[in-house]
Full PDB file with SEQRES, HELIX, SHEET, SSBOND, CRYST1, ORIGX, SCALE, CONECT and MASTER records, all heavy atoms in Angstrom:
SEQRES   1 A   42  ALA PHE ASN MET GLY LEU PHE ASP LYS LEU LEU GLY LYS          
SEQRES   2 A   42  THR ASN LYS LYS GLN SER GLY MET ILE PRO ALA THR LYS          
SEQRES   3 A   42  LYS GLU HIS GLU GLU GLU TRP ASP PHE TYR PHE SER ASN          
SEQRES   4 A   42  VAL ASN ASP                                                  
CRYST1    1.000    1.000    1.000  90.00  90.00  90.00 P 1           1          
ORIGX1      1.000000  0.000000  0.000000        0.00000                         
ORIGX2      0.000000  1.000000  0.000000        0.00000                         
ORIGX3      0.000000  0.000000  1.000000        0.00000                         
SCALE1      1.000000  0.000000  0.000000        0.00000                         
SCALE2      0.000000  1.000000  0.000000        0.00000                         
SCALE3      0.000000  0.000000  1.000000        0.00000                         
ATOM      1  N   ALA A   1       0.865  -1.205   0.011  1.00  0.00           N  
ATOM      2  CA  ALA A   1      -0.024  -0.004  -0.001  1.00  0.00           C  
ATOM      3  C   ALA A   1       0.873   1.217   0.005  1.00  0.00           C  
ATOM      4  O   ALA A   1       1.868   1.321   0.688  1.00  0.00           O  
ATOM      5  CB  ALA A   1      -0.904   0.032   1.222  1.00  0.00           C  
ATOM      6  N   PHE A   2       0.500   2.206  -0.828  1.00  0.00           N  
ATOM      7  CA  PHE A   2       1.215   3.488  -0.842  1.00  0.00           C  
ATOM      8  C   PHE A   2       0.461   4.472   0.042  1.00  0.00           C  
ATOM      9  O   PHE A   2      -0.711   4.277   0.374  1.00  0.00           O  
ATOM     10  CB  PHE A   2       1.321   4.034  -2.292  1.00  0.00           C  
ATOM     11  CG  PHE A   2       1.987   3.058  -3.203  1.00  0.00           C  
ATOM     12  CD1 PHE A   2       1.308   2.428  -4.217  1.00  0.00           C  
ATOM     13  CD2 PHE A   2       3.324   2.777  -3.063  1.00  0.00           C  
ATOM     14  CE1 PHE A   2       1.935   1.571  -5.069  1.00  0.00           C  
ATOM     15  CE2 PHE A   2       3.956   1.933  -3.880  1.00  0.00           C  
ATOM     16  CZ  PHE A   2       3.252   1.294  -4.925  1.00  0.00           C  
ATOM     17  N   ASN A   3       1.122   5.550   0.387  1.00  0.00           N  
ATOM     18  CA  ASN A   3       0.572   6.487   1.380  1.00  0.00           C  
ATOM     19  C   ASN A   3      -0.639   7.232   0.845  1.00  0.00           C  
ATOM     20  O   ASN A   3      -1.304   7.954   1.612  1.00  0.00           O  
ATOM     21  CB  ASN A   3       1.677   7.460   1.774  1.00  0.00           C  
ATOM     22  CG  ASN A   3       1.348   8.108   3.133  1.00  0.00           C  
ATOM     23  OD1 ASN A   3       0.676   7.544   3.937  1.00  0.00           O  
ATOM     24  ND2 ASN A   3       1.863   9.313   3.309  1.00  0.00           N  
ATOM     25  N   MET A   4      -0.932   7.107  -0.485  1.00  0.00           N  
ATOM     26  CA  MET A   4      -2.104   7.792  -1.022  1.00  0.00           C  
ATOM     27  C   MET A   4      -3.401   7.019  -0.744  1.00  0.00           C  
ATOM     28  O   MET A   4      -4.479   7.405  -1.179  1.00  0.00           O  
ATOM     29  CB  MET A   4      -1.948   7.964  -2.527  1.00  0.00           C  
ATOM     30  CG  MET A   4      -0.847   8.973  -2.919  1.00  0.00           C  
ATOM     31  SD  MET A   4      -1.211  10.623  -2.444  1.00  0.00           S  
ATOM     32  CE  MET A   4      -2.484  11.029  -3.612  1.00  0.00           C  
ATOM     33  N   GLY A   5      -3.247   5.877  -0.075  1.00  0.00           N  
ATOM     34  CA  GLY A   5      -4.469   5.140   0.341  1.00  0.00           C  
ATOM     35  C   GLY A   5      -4.940   4.015  -0.513  1.00  0.00           C  
ATOM     36  O   GLY A   5      -5.912   3.372  -0.245  1.00  0.00           O  
ATOM     37  N   LEU A   6      -4.153   3.687  -1.555  1.00  0.00           N  
ATOM     38  CA  LEU A   6      -4.552   2.617  -2.443  1.00  0.00           C  
ATOM     39  C   LEU A   6      -3.670   1.408  -2.227  1.00  0.00           C  
ATOM     40  O   LEU A   6      -2.488   1.547  -2.091  1.00  0.00           O  
ATOM     41  CB  LEU A   6      -4.444   3.045  -3.915  1.00  0.00           C  
ATOM     42  CG  LEU A   6      -4.802   1.982  -4.912  1.00  0.00           C  
ATOM     43  CD1 LEU A   6      -6.286   1.770  -4.968  1.00  0.00           C  
ATOM     44  CD2 LEU A   6      -4.293   2.349  -6.293  1.00  0.00           C  
ATOM     45  N   PHE A   7      -4.279   0.211  -2.137  1.00  0.00           N  
ATOM     46  CA  PHE A   7      -3.423  -0.979  -2.123  1.00  0.00           C  
ATOM     47  C   PHE A   7      -4.083  -2.057  -2.962  1.00  0.00           C  
ATOM     48  O   PHE A   7      -5.211  -2.033  -3.274  1.00  0.00           O  
ATOM     49  CB  PHE A   7      -3.159  -1.485  -0.690  1.00  0.00           C  
ATOM     50  CG  PHE A   7      -4.371  -2.043   0.009  1.00  0.00           C  
ATOM     51  CD1 PHE A   7      -4.679  -3.394  -0.100  1.00  0.00           C  
ATOM     52  CD2 PHE A   7      -5.184  -1.186   0.755  1.00  0.00           C  
ATOM     53  CE1 PHE A   7      -5.767  -3.907   0.564  1.00  0.00           C  
ATOM     54  CE2 PHE A   7      -6.296  -1.738   1.402  1.00  0.00           C  
ATOM     55  CZ  PHE A   7      -6.604  -3.079   1.312  1.00  0.00           C  
ATOM     56  N   ASP A   8      -3.233  -3.020  -3.365  1.00  0.00           N  
ATOM     57  CA  ASP A   8      -3.676  -3.997  -4.312  1.00  0.00           C  
ATOM     58  C   ASP A   8      -2.995  -5.346  -3.995  1.00  0.00           C  
ATOM     59  O   ASP A   8      -1.823  -5.359  -3.649  1.00  0.00           O  
ATOM     60  CB  ASP A   8      -3.277  -3.583  -5.740  1.00  0.00           C  
ATOM     61  CG  ASP A   8      -4.058  -4.298  -6.784  1.00  0.00           C  
ATOM     62  OD1 ASP A   8      -5.095  -4.903  -6.455  1.00  0.00           O  
ATOM     63  OD2 ASP A   8      -3.554  -4.367  -7.945  1.00  0.00           O  
ATOM     64  N   LYS A   9      -3.759  -6.435  -4.061  1.00  0.00           N  
ATOM     65  CA  LYS A   9      -3.130  -7.695  -3.809  1.00  0.00           C  
ATOM     66  C   LYS A   9      -2.295  -8.112  -4.999  1.00  0.00           C  
ATOM     67  O   LYS A   9      -2.742  -8.253  -6.120  1.00  0.00           O  
ATOM     68  CB  LYS A   9      -4.191  -8.796  -3.618  1.00  0.00           C  
ATOM     69  CG  LYS A   9      -4.719  -8.826  -2.192  1.00  0.00           C  
ATOM     70  CD  LYS A   9      -5.489 -10.087  -1.912  1.00  0.00           C  
ATOM     71  CE  LYS A   9      -5.841 -10.126  -0.424  1.00  0.00           C  
ATOM     72  NZ  LYS A   9      -6.564 -11.425  -0.118  1.00  0.00           N  
ATOM     73  N   LEU A  10      -0.996  -8.257  -4.729  1.00  0.00           N  
ATOM     74  CA  LEU A  10      -0.029  -8.447  -5.817  1.00  0.00           C  
ATOM     75  C   LEU A  10      -0.016  -9.859  -6.358  1.00  0.00           C  
ATOM     76  O   LEU A  10       0.584 -10.138  -7.416  1.00  0.00           O  
ATOM     77  CB  LEU A  10       1.355  -7.983  -5.400  1.00  0.00           C  
ATOM     78  CG  LEU A  10       1.410  -6.475  -5.112  1.00  0.00           C  
ATOM     79  CD1 LEU A  10       2.815  -6.153  -4.641  1.00  0.00           C  
ATOM     80  CD2 LEU A  10       1.056  -5.682  -6.324  1.00  0.00           C  
ATOM     81  N   LEU A  11      -0.540 -10.805  -5.654  1.00  0.00           N  
ATOM     82  CA  LEU A  11      -0.572 -12.158  -6.141  1.00  0.00           C  
ATOM     83  C   LEU A  11      -1.953 -12.592  -6.568  1.00  0.00           C  
ATOM     84  O   LEU A  11      -2.189 -13.735  -6.942  1.00  0.00           O  
ATOM     85  CB  LEU A  11      -0.060 -13.154  -5.096  1.00  0.00           C  
ATOM     86  CG  LEU A  11       1.447 -13.087  -4.822  1.00  0.00           C  
ATOM     87  CD1 LEU A  11       1.839 -14.189  -3.848  1.00  0.00           C  
ATOM     88  CD2 LEU A  11       2.243 -13.238  -6.093  1.00  0.00           C  
ATOM     89  N   GLY A  12      -2.869 -11.661  -6.623  1.00  0.00           N  
ATOM     90  CA  GLY A  12      -4.227 -11.963  -7.040  1.00  0.00           C  
ATOM     91  C   GLY A  12      -4.352 -11.812  -8.521  1.00  0.00           C  
ATOM     92  O   GLY A  12      -3.378 -11.581  -9.238  1.00  0.00           O  
ATOM     93  N   LYS A  13      -5.609 -11.918  -9.024  1.00  0.00           N  
ATOM     94  CA  LYS A  13      -5.820 -11.694 -10.477  1.00  0.00           C  
ATOM     95  C   LYS A  13      -5.792 -10.216 -10.766  1.00  0.00           C  
ATOM     96  O   LYS A  13      -6.105  -9.374  -9.934  1.00  0.00           O  
ATOM     97  CB  LYS A  13      -7.186 -12.281 -10.877  1.00  0.00           C  
ATOM     98  CG  LYS A  13      -7.232 -13.805 -10.850  1.00  0.00           C  
ATOM     99  CD  LYS A  13      -8.598 -14.298 -11.155  1.00  0.00           C  
ATOM    100  CE  LYS A  13      -9.021 -13.903 -12.543  1.00  0.00           C  
ATOM    101  NZ  LYS A  13      -8.232 -14.483 -13.597  1.00  0.00           N  
ATOM    102  N   THR A  14      -5.455  -9.846 -11.973  1.00  0.00           N  
ATOM    103  CA  THR A  14      -5.488  -8.453 -12.384  1.00  0.00           C  
ATOM    104  C   THR A  14      -6.924  -8.045 -12.541  1.00  0.00           C  
ATOM    105  O   THR A  14      -7.855  -8.784 -12.772  1.00  0.00           O  
ATOM    106  CB  THR A  14      -4.798  -8.292 -13.736  1.00  0.00           C  
ATOM    107  OG1 THR A  14      -5.433  -9.118 -14.702  1.00  0.00           O  
ATOM    108  CG2 THR A  14      -3.337  -8.635 -13.641  1.00  0.00           C  
ATOM    109  N   ASN A  15      -7.114  -6.713 -12.476  1.00  0.00           N  
ATOM    110  CA  ASN A  15      -8.414  -6.116 -12.800  1.00  0.00           C  
ATOM    111  C   ASN A  15      -8.594  -6.215 -14.331  1.00  0.00           C  
ATOM    112  O   ASN A  15      -7.619  -6.304 -15.079  1.00  0.00           O  
ATOM    113  CB  ASN A  15      -8.502  -4.685 -12.337  1.00  0.00           C  
ATOM    114  CG  ASN A  15      -8.380  -4.544 -10.878  1.00  0.00           C  
ATOM    115  OD1 ASN A  15      -8.878  -5.413 -10.157  1.00  0.00           O  
ATOM    116  ND2 ASN A  15      -7.672  -3.521 -10.418  1.00  0.00           N  
ATOM    117  N   LYS A  16      -9.876  -6.184 -14.758  1.00  0.00           N  
ATOM    118  CA  LYS A  16     -10.070  -6.144 -16.211  1.00  0.00           C  
ATOM    119  C   LYS A  16      -9.469  -4.858 -16.747  1.00  0.00           C  
ATOM    120  O   LYS A  16      -9.748  -3.790 -16.288  1.00  0.00           O  
ATOM    121  CB  LYS A  16     -11.563  -6.187 -16.512  1.00  0.00           C  
ATOM    122  CG  LYS A  16     -12.203  -7.531 -16.148  1.00  0.00           C  
ATOM    123  CD  LYS A  16     -13.651  -7.563 -16.444  1.00  0.00           C  
ATOM    124  CE  LYS A  16     -13.949  -7.551 -17.920  1.00  0.00           C  
ATOM    125  NZ  LYS A  16     -15.338  -7.611 -18.268  1.00  0.00           N  
ATOM    126  N   LYS A  17      -8.668  -4.978 -17.801  1.00  0.00           N  
ATOM    127  CA  LYS A  17      -7.885  -3.860 -18.225  1.00  0.00           C  
ATOM    128  C   LYS A  17      -8.048  -3.698 -19.723  1.00  0.00           C  
ATOM    129  O   LYS A  17      -7.730  -4.581 -20.517  1.00  0.00           O  
ATOM    130  CB  LYS A  17      -6.407  -4.101 -17.916  1.00  0.00           C  
ATOM    131  CG  LYS A  17      -5.481  -2.984 -18.296  1.00  0.00           C  
ATOM    132  CD  LYS A  17      -5.578  -1.854 -17.312  1.00  0.00           C  
ATOM    133  CE  LYS A  17      -4.565  -0.743 -17.629  1.00  0.00           C  
ATOM    134  NZ  LYS A  17      -4.735   0.364 -16.805  1.00  0.00           N  
ATOM    135  N   GLN A  18      -8.559  -2.579 -20.178  1.00  0.00           N  
ATOM    136  CA  GLN A  18      -8.738  -2.353 -21.587  1.00  0.00           C  
ATOM    137  C   GLN A  18      -7.635  -1.405 -22.043  1.00  0.00           C  
ATOM    138  O   GLN A  18      -7.759  -0.210 -21.989  1.00  0.00           O  
ATOM    139  CB  GLN A  18     -10.126  -1.759 -21.850  1.00  0.00           C  
ATOM    140  CG  GLN A  18     -11.221  -2.722 -21.532  1.00  0.00           C  
ATOM    141  CD  GLN A  18     -12.577  -2.258 -22.077  1.00  0.00           C  
ATOM    142  OE1 GLN A  18     -12.647  -1.265 -22.778  1.00  0.00           O  
ATOM    143  NE2 GLN A  18     -13.651  -2.976 -21.771  1.00  0.00           N  
ATOM    144  N   SER A  19      -6.561  -2.019 -22.494  1.00  0.00           N  
ATOM    145  CA  SER A  19      -5.396  -1.183 -22.903  1.00  0.00           C  
ATOM    146  C   SER A  19      -5.145  -1.359 -24.412  1.00  0.00           C  
ATOM    147  O   SER A  19      -4.028  -1.307 -24.904  1.00  0.00           O  
ATOM    148  CB  SER A  19      -4.159  -1.617 -22.111  1.00  0.00           C  
ATOM    149  OG  SER A  19      -3.984  -3.015 -22.203  1.00  0.00           O  
ATOM    150  N   GLY A  20      -6.213  -1.544 -25.160  1.00  0.00           N  
ATOM    151  CA  GLY A  20      -6.066  -1.722 -26.602  1.00  0.00           C  
ATOM    152  C   GLY A  20      -7.358  -2.279 -27.141  1.00  0.00           C  
ATOM    153  O   GLY A  20      -8.407  -2.181 -26.543  1.00  0.00           O  
ATOM    154  N   MET A  21      -7.265  -2.878 -28.273  1.00  0.00           N  
ATOM    155  CA  MET A  21      -8.462  -3.428 -28.913  1.00  0.00           C  
ATOM    156  C   MET A  21      -8.921  -4.640 -28.163  1.00  0.00           C  
ATOM    157  O   MET A  21      -8.171  -5.564 -27.922  1.00  0.00           O  
ATOM    158  CB  MET A  21      -8.102  -3.760 -30.378  1.00  0.00           C  
ATOM    159  CG  MET A  21      -9.275  -4.152 -31.246  1.00  0.00           C  
ATOM    160  SD  MET A  21      -9.730  -5.873 -31.055  1.00  0.00           S  
ATOM    161  CE  MET A  21      -8.172  -6.685 -31.354  1.00  0.00           C  
ATOM    162  N   ILE A  22     -10.213  -4.716 -27.839  1.00  0.00           N  
ATOM    163  CA  ILE A  22     -10.830  -5.853 -27.208  1.00  0.00           C  
ATOM    164  C   ILE A  22     -11.770  -6.514 -28.215  1.00  0.00           C  
ATOM    165  O   ILE A  22     -12.759  -5.943 -28.590  1.00  0.00           O  
ATOM    166  CB  ILE A  22     -11.599  -5.497 -25.936  1.00  0.00           C  
ATOM    167  CG1 ILE A  22     -10.692  -4.730 -24.966  1.00  0.00           C  
ATOM    168  CG2 ILE A  22     -12.187  -6.717 -25.278  1.00  0.00           C  
ATOM    169  CD1 ILE A  22      -9.522  -5.534 -24.466  1.00  0.00           C  
ATOM    170  N   PRO A  23     -11.491  -7.717 -28.684  1.00  0.00           N  
ATOM    171  CA  PRO A  23     -12.266  -8.304 -29.719  1.00  0.00           C  
ATOM    172  C   PRO A  23     -13.622  -8.757 -29.213  1.00  0.00           C  
ATOM    173  O   PRO A  23     -13.777  -9.171 -28.073  1.00  0.00           O  
ATOM    174  CB  PRO A  23     -11.465  -9.522 -30.195  1.00  0.00           C  
ATOM    175  CG  PRO A  23     -10.677  -9.902 -28.968  1.00  0.00           C  
ATOM    176  CD  PRO A  23     -10.362  -8.574 -28.259  1.00  0.00           C  
ATOM    177  N   ALA A  24     -14.639  -8.662 -30.089  1.00  0.00           N  
ATOM    178  CA  ALA A  24     -15.977  -9.105 -29.749  1.00  0.00           C  
ATOM    179  C   ALA A  24     -16.143 -10.559 -30.008  1.00  0.00           C  
ATOM    180  O   ALA A  24     -16.691 -11.001 -31.063  1.00  0.00           O  
ATOM    181  CB  ALA A  24     -17.003  -8.298 -30.542  1.00  0.00           C  
ATOM    182  N   THR A  25     -15.585 -11.408 -29.140  1.00  0.00           N  
ATOM    183  CA  THR A  25     -15.614 -12.831 -29.336  1.00  0.00           C  
ATOM    184  C   THR A  25     -16.899 -13.413 -28.729  1.00  0.00           C  
ATOM    185  O   THR A  25     -17.539 -12.791 -27.898  1.00  0.00           O  
ATOM    186  CB  THR A  25     -14.427 -13.509 -28.671  1.00  0.00           C  
ATOM    187  OG1 THR A  25     -14.542 -13.317 -27.274  1.00  0.00           O  
ATOM    188  CG2 THR A  25     -13.120 -12.951 -29.170  1.00  0.00           C  
ATOM    189  N   LYS A  26     -17.222 -14.640 -29.142  1.00  0.00           N  
ATOM    190  CA  LYS A  26     -18.256 -15.374 -28.461  1.00  0.00           C  
ATOM    191  C   LYS A  26     -17.589 -15.818 -27.138  1.00  0.00           C  
ATOM    192  O   LYS A  26     -16.685 -16.571 -27.078  1.00  0.00           O  
ATOM    193  CB  LYS A  26     -18.654 -16.615 -29.248  1.00  0.00           C  
ATOM    194  CG  LYS A  26     -19.675 -17.506 -28.563  1.00  0.00           C  
ATOM    195  CD  LYS A  26     -20.014 -18.688 -29.391  1.00  0.00           C  
ATOM    196  CE  LYS A  26     -20.979 -19.612 -28.646  1.00  0.00           C  
ATOM    197  NZ  LYS A  26     -21.281 -20.835 -29.435  1.00  0.00           N  
ATOM    198  N   LYS A  27     -18.137 -15.332 -26.027  1.00  0.00           N  
ATOM    199  CA  LYS A  27     -17.450 -15.456 -24.730  1.00  0.00           C  
ATOM    200  C   LYS A  27     -17.520 -16.893 -24.217  1.00  0.00           C  
ATOM    201  O   LYS A  27     -18.620 -17.404 -24.006  1.00  0.00           O  
ATOM    202  CB  LYS A  27     -18.014 -14.500 -23.722  1.00  0.00           C  
ATOM    203  CG  LYS A  27     -17.598 -13.061 -23.995  1.00  0.00           C  
ATOM    204  CD  LYS A  27     -17.981 -12.175 -22.785  1.00  0.00           C  
ATOM    205  CE  LYS A  27     -17.464 -10.748 -23.011  1.00  0.00           C  
ATOM    206  NZ  LYS A  27     -17.742  -9.875 -21.828  1.00  0.00           N  
ATOM    207  N   GLU A  28     -16.400 -17.504 -24.026  1.00  0.00           N  
ATOM    208  CA  GLU A  28     -16.284 -18.743 -23.308  1.00  0.00           C  
ATOM    209  C   GLU A  28     -15.634 -18.515 -21.952  1.00  0.00           C  
ATOM    210  O   GLU A  28     -15.498 -19.442 -21.183  1.00  0.00           O  
ATOM    211  CB  GLU A  28     -15.424 -19.754 -24.107  1.00  0.00           C  
ATOM    212  CG  GLU A  28     -16.086 -20.125 -25.439  1.00  0.00           C  
ATOM    213  CD  GLU A  28     -15.261 -21.141 -26.220  1.00  0.00           C  
ATOM    214  OE1 GLU A  28     -14.078 -21.318 -25.855  1.00  0.00           O  
ATOM    215  OE2 GLU A  28     -15.783 -21.780 -27.137  1.00  0.00           O  
ATOM    216  N   HIS A  29     -15.259 -17.281 -21.673  1.00  0.00           N  
ATOM    217  CA  HIS A  29     -14.632 -16.931 -20.447  1.00  0.00           C  
ATOM    218  C   HIS A  29     -14.775 -15.411 -20.250  1.00  0.00           C  
ATOM    219  O   HIS A  29     -15.192 -14.698 -21.131  1.00  0.00           O  
ATOM    220  CB  HIS A  29     -13.126 -17.299 -20.491  1.00  0.00           C  
ATOM    221  CG  HIS A  29     -12.413 -16.538 -21.563  1.00  0.00           C  
ATOM    222  ND1 HIS A  29     -12.496 -16.837 -22.903  1.00  0.00           N  
ATOM    223  CD2 HIS A  29     -11.594 -15.441 -21.498  1.00  0.00           C  
ATOM    224  CE1 HIS A  29     -11.733 -16.013 -23.587  1.00  0.00           C  
ATOM    225  NE2 HIS A  29     -11.190 -15.121 -22.799  1.00  0.00           N  
ATOM    226  N   GLU A  30     -14.358 -14.941 -19.076  1.00  0.00           N  
ATOM    227  CA  GLU A  30     -14.344 -13.489 -18.824  1.00  0.00           C  
ATOM    228  C   GLU A  30     -13.025 -12.935 -19.292  1.00  0.00           C  
ATOM    229  O   GLU A  30     -11.971 -13.253 -18.766  1.00  0.00           O  
ATOM    230  CB  GLU A  30     -14.563 -13.214 -17.317  1.00  0.00           C  
ATOM    231  CG  GLU A  30     -14.654 -11.745 -17.009  1.00  0.00           C  
ATOM    232  CD  GLU A  30     -14.954 -11.503 -15.573  1.00  0.00           C  
ATOM    233  OE1 GLU A  30     -15.165 -12.492 -14.815  1.00  0.00           O  
ATOM    234  OE2 GLU A  30     -14.927 -10.311 -15.148  1.00  0.00           O  
ATOM    235  N   GLU A  31     -13.119 -12.046 -20.318  1.00  0.00           N  
ATOM    236  CA  GLU A  31     -11.832 -11.527 -20.907  1.00  0.00           C  
ATOM    237  C   GLU A  31     -11.160 -10.586 -19.909  1.00  0.00           C  
ATOM    238  O   GLU A  31     -11.838  -9.828 -19.193  1.00  0.00           O  
ATOM    239  CB  GLU A  31     -12.165 -10.809 -22.163  1.00  0.00           C  
ATOM    240  CG  GLU A  31     -12.680 -11.748 -23.265  1.00  0.00           C  
ATOM    241  CD  GLU A  31     -13.119 -11.022 -24.514  1.00  0.00           C  
ATOM    242  OE1 GLU A  31     -12.993  -9.764 -24.557  1.00  0.00           O  
ATOM    243  OE2 GLU A  31     -13.592 -11.643 -25.461  1.00  0.00           O  
ATOM    244  N   GLU A  32      -9.887 -10.604 -19.920  1.00  0.00           N  
ATOM    245  CA  GLU A  32      -9.080  -9.805 -18.965  1.00  0.00           C  
ATOM    246  C   GLU A  32      -7.780  -9.378 -19.702  1.00  0.00           C  
ATOM    247  O   GLU A  32      -6.716  -9.979 -19.502  1.00  0.00           O  
ATOM    248  CB  GLU A  32      -8.791 -10.659 -17.758  1.00  0.00           C  
ATOM    249  CG  GLU A  32      -8.188  -9.888 -16.584  1.00  0.00           C  
ATOM    250  CD  GLU A  32      -7.954 -10.780 -15.366  1.00  0.00           C  
ATOM    251  OE1 GLU A  32      -8.655 -11.819 -15.264  1.00  0.00           O  
ATOM    252  OE2 GLU A  32      -7.100 -10.451 -14.573  1.00  0.00           O  
ATOM    253  N   TRP A  33      -7.893  -8.381 -20.522  1.00  0.00           N  
ATOM    254  CA  TRP A  33      -6.748  -7.977 -21.346  1.00  0.00           C  
ATOM    255  C   TRP A  33      -5.807  -7.042 -20.589  1.00  0.00           C  
ATOM    256  O   TRP A  33      -6.216  -6.145 -19.890  1.00  0.00           O  
ATOM    257  CB  TRP A  33      -7.259  -7.274 -22.594  1.00  0.00           C  
ATOM    258  CG  TRP A  33      -8.004  -8.210 -23.553  1.00  0.00           C  
ATOM    259  CD1 TRP A  33      -9.333  -8.591 -23.523  1.00  0.00           C  
ATOM    260  CD2 TRP A  33      -7.387  -8.943 -24.623  1.00  0.00           C  
ATOM    261  NE1 TRP A  33      -9.569  -9.485 -24.525  1.00  0.00           N  
ATOM    262  CE2 TRP A  33      -8.408  -9.747 -25.219  1.00  0.00           C  
ATOM    263  CE3 TRP A  33      -6.087  -9.003 -25.118  1.00  0.00           C  
ATOM    264  CZ2 TRP A  33      -8.152 -10.562 -26.288  1.00  0.00           C  
ATOM    265  CZ3 TRP A  33      -5.863  -9.822 -26.218  1.00  0.00           C  
ATOM    266  CH2 TRP A  33      -6.863 -10.600 -26.802  1.00  0.00           C  
ATOM    267  N   ASP A  34      -4.519  -7.308 -20.781  1.00  0.00           N  
ATOM    268  CA  ASP A  34      -3.512  -6.489 -20.174  1.00  0.00           C  
ATOM    269  C   ASP A  34      -2.251  -6.587 -20.998  1.00  0.00           C  
ATOM    270  O   ASP A  34      -2.103  -7.415 -21.888  1.00  0.00           O  
ATOM    271  CB  ASP A  34      -3.235  -6.920 -18.713  1.00  0.00           C  
ATOM    272  CG  ASP A  34      -2.955  -5.746 -17.835  1.00  0.00           C  
ATOM    273  OD1 ASP A  34      -2.267  -4.793 -18.289  1.00  0.00           O  
ATOM    274  OD2 ASP A  34      -3.443  -5.719 -16.702  1.00  0.00           O  
ATOM    275  N   PHE A  35      -1.309  -5.712 -20.726  1.00  0.00           N  
ATOM    276  CA  PHE A  35      -0.064  -5.684 -21.521  1.00  0.00           C  
ATOM    277  C   PHE A  35       1.158  -5.670 -20.576  1.00  0.00           C  
ATOM    278  O   PHE A  35       1.083  -5.277 -19.433  1.00  0.00           O  
ATOM    279  CB  PHE A  35      -0.013  -4.481 -22.448  1.00  0.00           C  
ATOM    280  CG  PHE A  35       0.220  -3.168 -21.751  1.00  0.00           C  
ATOM    281  CD1 PHE A  35       1.500  -2.652 -21.607  1.00  0.00           C  
ATOM    282  CD2 PHE A  35      -0.867  -2.444 -21.277  1.00  0.00           C  
ATOM    283  CE1 PHE A  35       1.706  -1.420 -20.981  1.00  0.00           C  
ATOM    284  CE2 PHE A  35      -0.682  -1.224 -20.605  1.00  0.00           C  
ATOM    285  CZ  PHE A  35       0.606  -0.731 -20.465  1.00  0.00           C  
ATOM    286  N   TYR A  36       2.264  -6.063 -21.129  1.00  0.00           N  
ATOM    287  CA  TYR A  36       3.532  -6.006 -20.414  1.00  0.00           C  
ATOM    288  C   TYR A  36       4.646  -6.032 -21.401  1.00  0.00           C  
ATOM    289  O   TYR A  36       4.427  -6.374 -22.577  1.00  0.00           O  
ATOM    290  CB  TYR A  36       3.653  -7.096 -19.373  1.00  0.00           C  
ATOM    291  CG  TYR A  36       3.814  -8.512 -19.909  1.00  0.00           C  
ATOM    292  CD1 TYR A  36       5.067  -9.125 -20.080  1.00  0.00           C  
ATOM    293  CD2 TYR A  36       2.693  -9.239 -20.335  1.00  0.00           C  
ATOM    294  CE1 TYR A  36       5.178 -10.384 -20.580  1.00  0.00           C  
ATOM    295  CE2 TYR A  36       2.813 -10.527 -20.851  1.00  0.00           C  
ATOM    296  CZ  TYR A  36       4.075 -11.095 -20.976  1.00  0.00           C  
ATOM    297  OH  TYR A  36       4.170 -12.391 -21.476  1.00  0.00           O  
ATOM    298  N   PHE A  37       5.875  -5.734 -20.983  1.00  0.00           N  
ATOM    299  CA  PHE A  37       7.052  -5.770 -21.838  1.00  0.00           C  
ATOM    300  C   PHE A  37       7.953  -6.919 -21.449  1.00  0.00           C  
ATOM    301  O   PHE A  37       8.035  -7.311 -20.280  1.00  0.00           O  
ATOM    302  CB  PHE A  37       7.791  -4.446 -21.757  1.00  0.00           C  
ATOM    303  CG  PHE A  37       7.032  -3.273 -22.264  1.00  0.00           C  
ATOM    304  CD1 PHE A  37       6.313  -2.442 -21.391  1.00  0.00           C  
ATOM    305  CD2 PHE A  37       6.975  -2.961 -23.596  1.00  0.00           C  
ATOM    306  CE1 PHE A  37       5.598  -1.369 -21.851  1.00  0.00           C  
ATOM    307  CE2 PHE A  37       6.231  -1.918 -24.060  1.00  0.00           C  
ATOM    308  CZ  PHE A  37       5.524  -1.091 -23.189  1.00  0.00           C  
ATOM    309  N   SER A  38       8.662  -7.477 -22.441  1.00  0.00           N  
ATOM    310  CA  SER A  38       9.547  -8.580 -22.188  1.00  0.00           C  
ATOM    311  C   SER A  38      10.637  -8.615 -23.197  1.00  0.00           C  
ATOM    312  O   SER A  38      10.548  -7.985 -24.261  1.00  0.00           O  
ATOM    313  CB  SER A  38       8.725  -9.895 -22.234  1.00  0.00           C  
ATOM    314  OG  SER A  38       9.580 -11.008 -21.922  1.00  0.00           O  
ATOM    315  N   ASN A  39      11.697  -9.373 -22.891  1.00  0.00           N  
ATOM    316  CA  ASN A  39      12.727  -9.621 -23.871  1.00  0.00           C  
ATOM    317  C   ASN A  39      12.356 -10.822 -24.707  1.00  0.00           C  
ATOM    318  O   ASN A  39      12.161 -11.914 -24.178  1.00  0.00           O  
ATOM    319  CB  ASN A  39      14.089  -9.868 -23.129  1.00  0.00           C  
ATOM    320  CG  ASN A  39      15.243 -10.031 -24.088  1.00  0.00           C  
ATOM    321  OD1 ASN A  39      15.244 -10.964 -24.961  1.00  0.00           O  
ATOM    322  ND2 ASN A  39      16.244  -9.201 -23.940  1.00  0.00           N  
ATOM    323  N   VAL A  40      12.270 -10.644 -26.034  1.00  0.00           N  
ATOM    324  CA  VAL A  40      11.854 -11.727 -26.911  1.00  0.00           C  
ATOM    325  C   VAL A  40      12.974 -11.886 -27.969  1.00  0.00           C  
ATOM    326  O   VAL A  40      13.172 -11.003 -28.810  1.00  0.00           O  
ATOM    327  CB  VAL A  40      10.502 -11.431 -27.591  1.00  0.00           C  
ATOM    328  CG1 VAL A  40      10.122 -12.563 -28.531  1.00  0.00           C  
ATOM    329  CG2 VAL A  40       9.407 -11.209 -26.584  1.00  0.00           C  
ATOM    330  N   ASN A  41      13.712 -12.976 -27.897  1.00  0.00           N  
ATOM    331  CA  ASN A  41      14.800 -13.216 -28.857  1.00  0.00           C  
ATOM    332  C   ASN A  41      15.769 -12.027 -28.892  1.00  0.00           C  
ATOM    333  O   ASN A  41      16.170 -11.578 -29.964  1.00  0.00           O  
ATOM    334  CB  ASN A  41      14.227 -13.504 -30.254  1.00  0.00           C  
ATOM    335  CG  ASN A  41      13.416 -14.778 -30.278  1.00  0.00           C  
ATOM    336  OD1 ASN A  41      13.721 -15.736 -29.610  1.00  0.00           O  
ATOM    337  ND2 ASN A  41      12.363 -14.774 -31.097  1.00  0.00           N  
ATOM    338  N   ASP A  42      16.094 -11.543 -27.713  1.00  0.00           N  
ATOM    339  CA  ASP A  42      17.065 -10.430 -27.532  1.00  0.00           C  
ATOM    340  C   ASP A  42      16.558  -9.114 -28.106  1.00  0.00           C  
ATOM    341  O   ASP A  42      17.332  -8.187 -28.351  1.00  0.00           O  
ATOM    342  CB  ASP A  42      18.400 -10.771 -28.222  1.00  0.00           C  
ATOM    343  CG  ASP A  42      19.109 -11.912 -27.518  1.00  0.00           C  
ATOM    344  OD1 ASP A  42      18.995 -12.027 -26.297  1.00  0.00           O  
ATOM    345  OD2 ASP A  42      19.753 -12.746 -28.241  1.00  0.00           O  
TER     346      ASP A  42                                                      
MASTER        0    0    0    0    0    0    0    6  345    1    0    4          
END                                                                             
């Protein structure tokens, strides 16, 4: 928790995050889109 009063469980599931295009699929699950950066083939 930071001093501004917000805290988040860091080992829980992420919140639903719309950070780009969310496709209109036939839902077989609850979509939960998020992004991150990684090293891919250097």
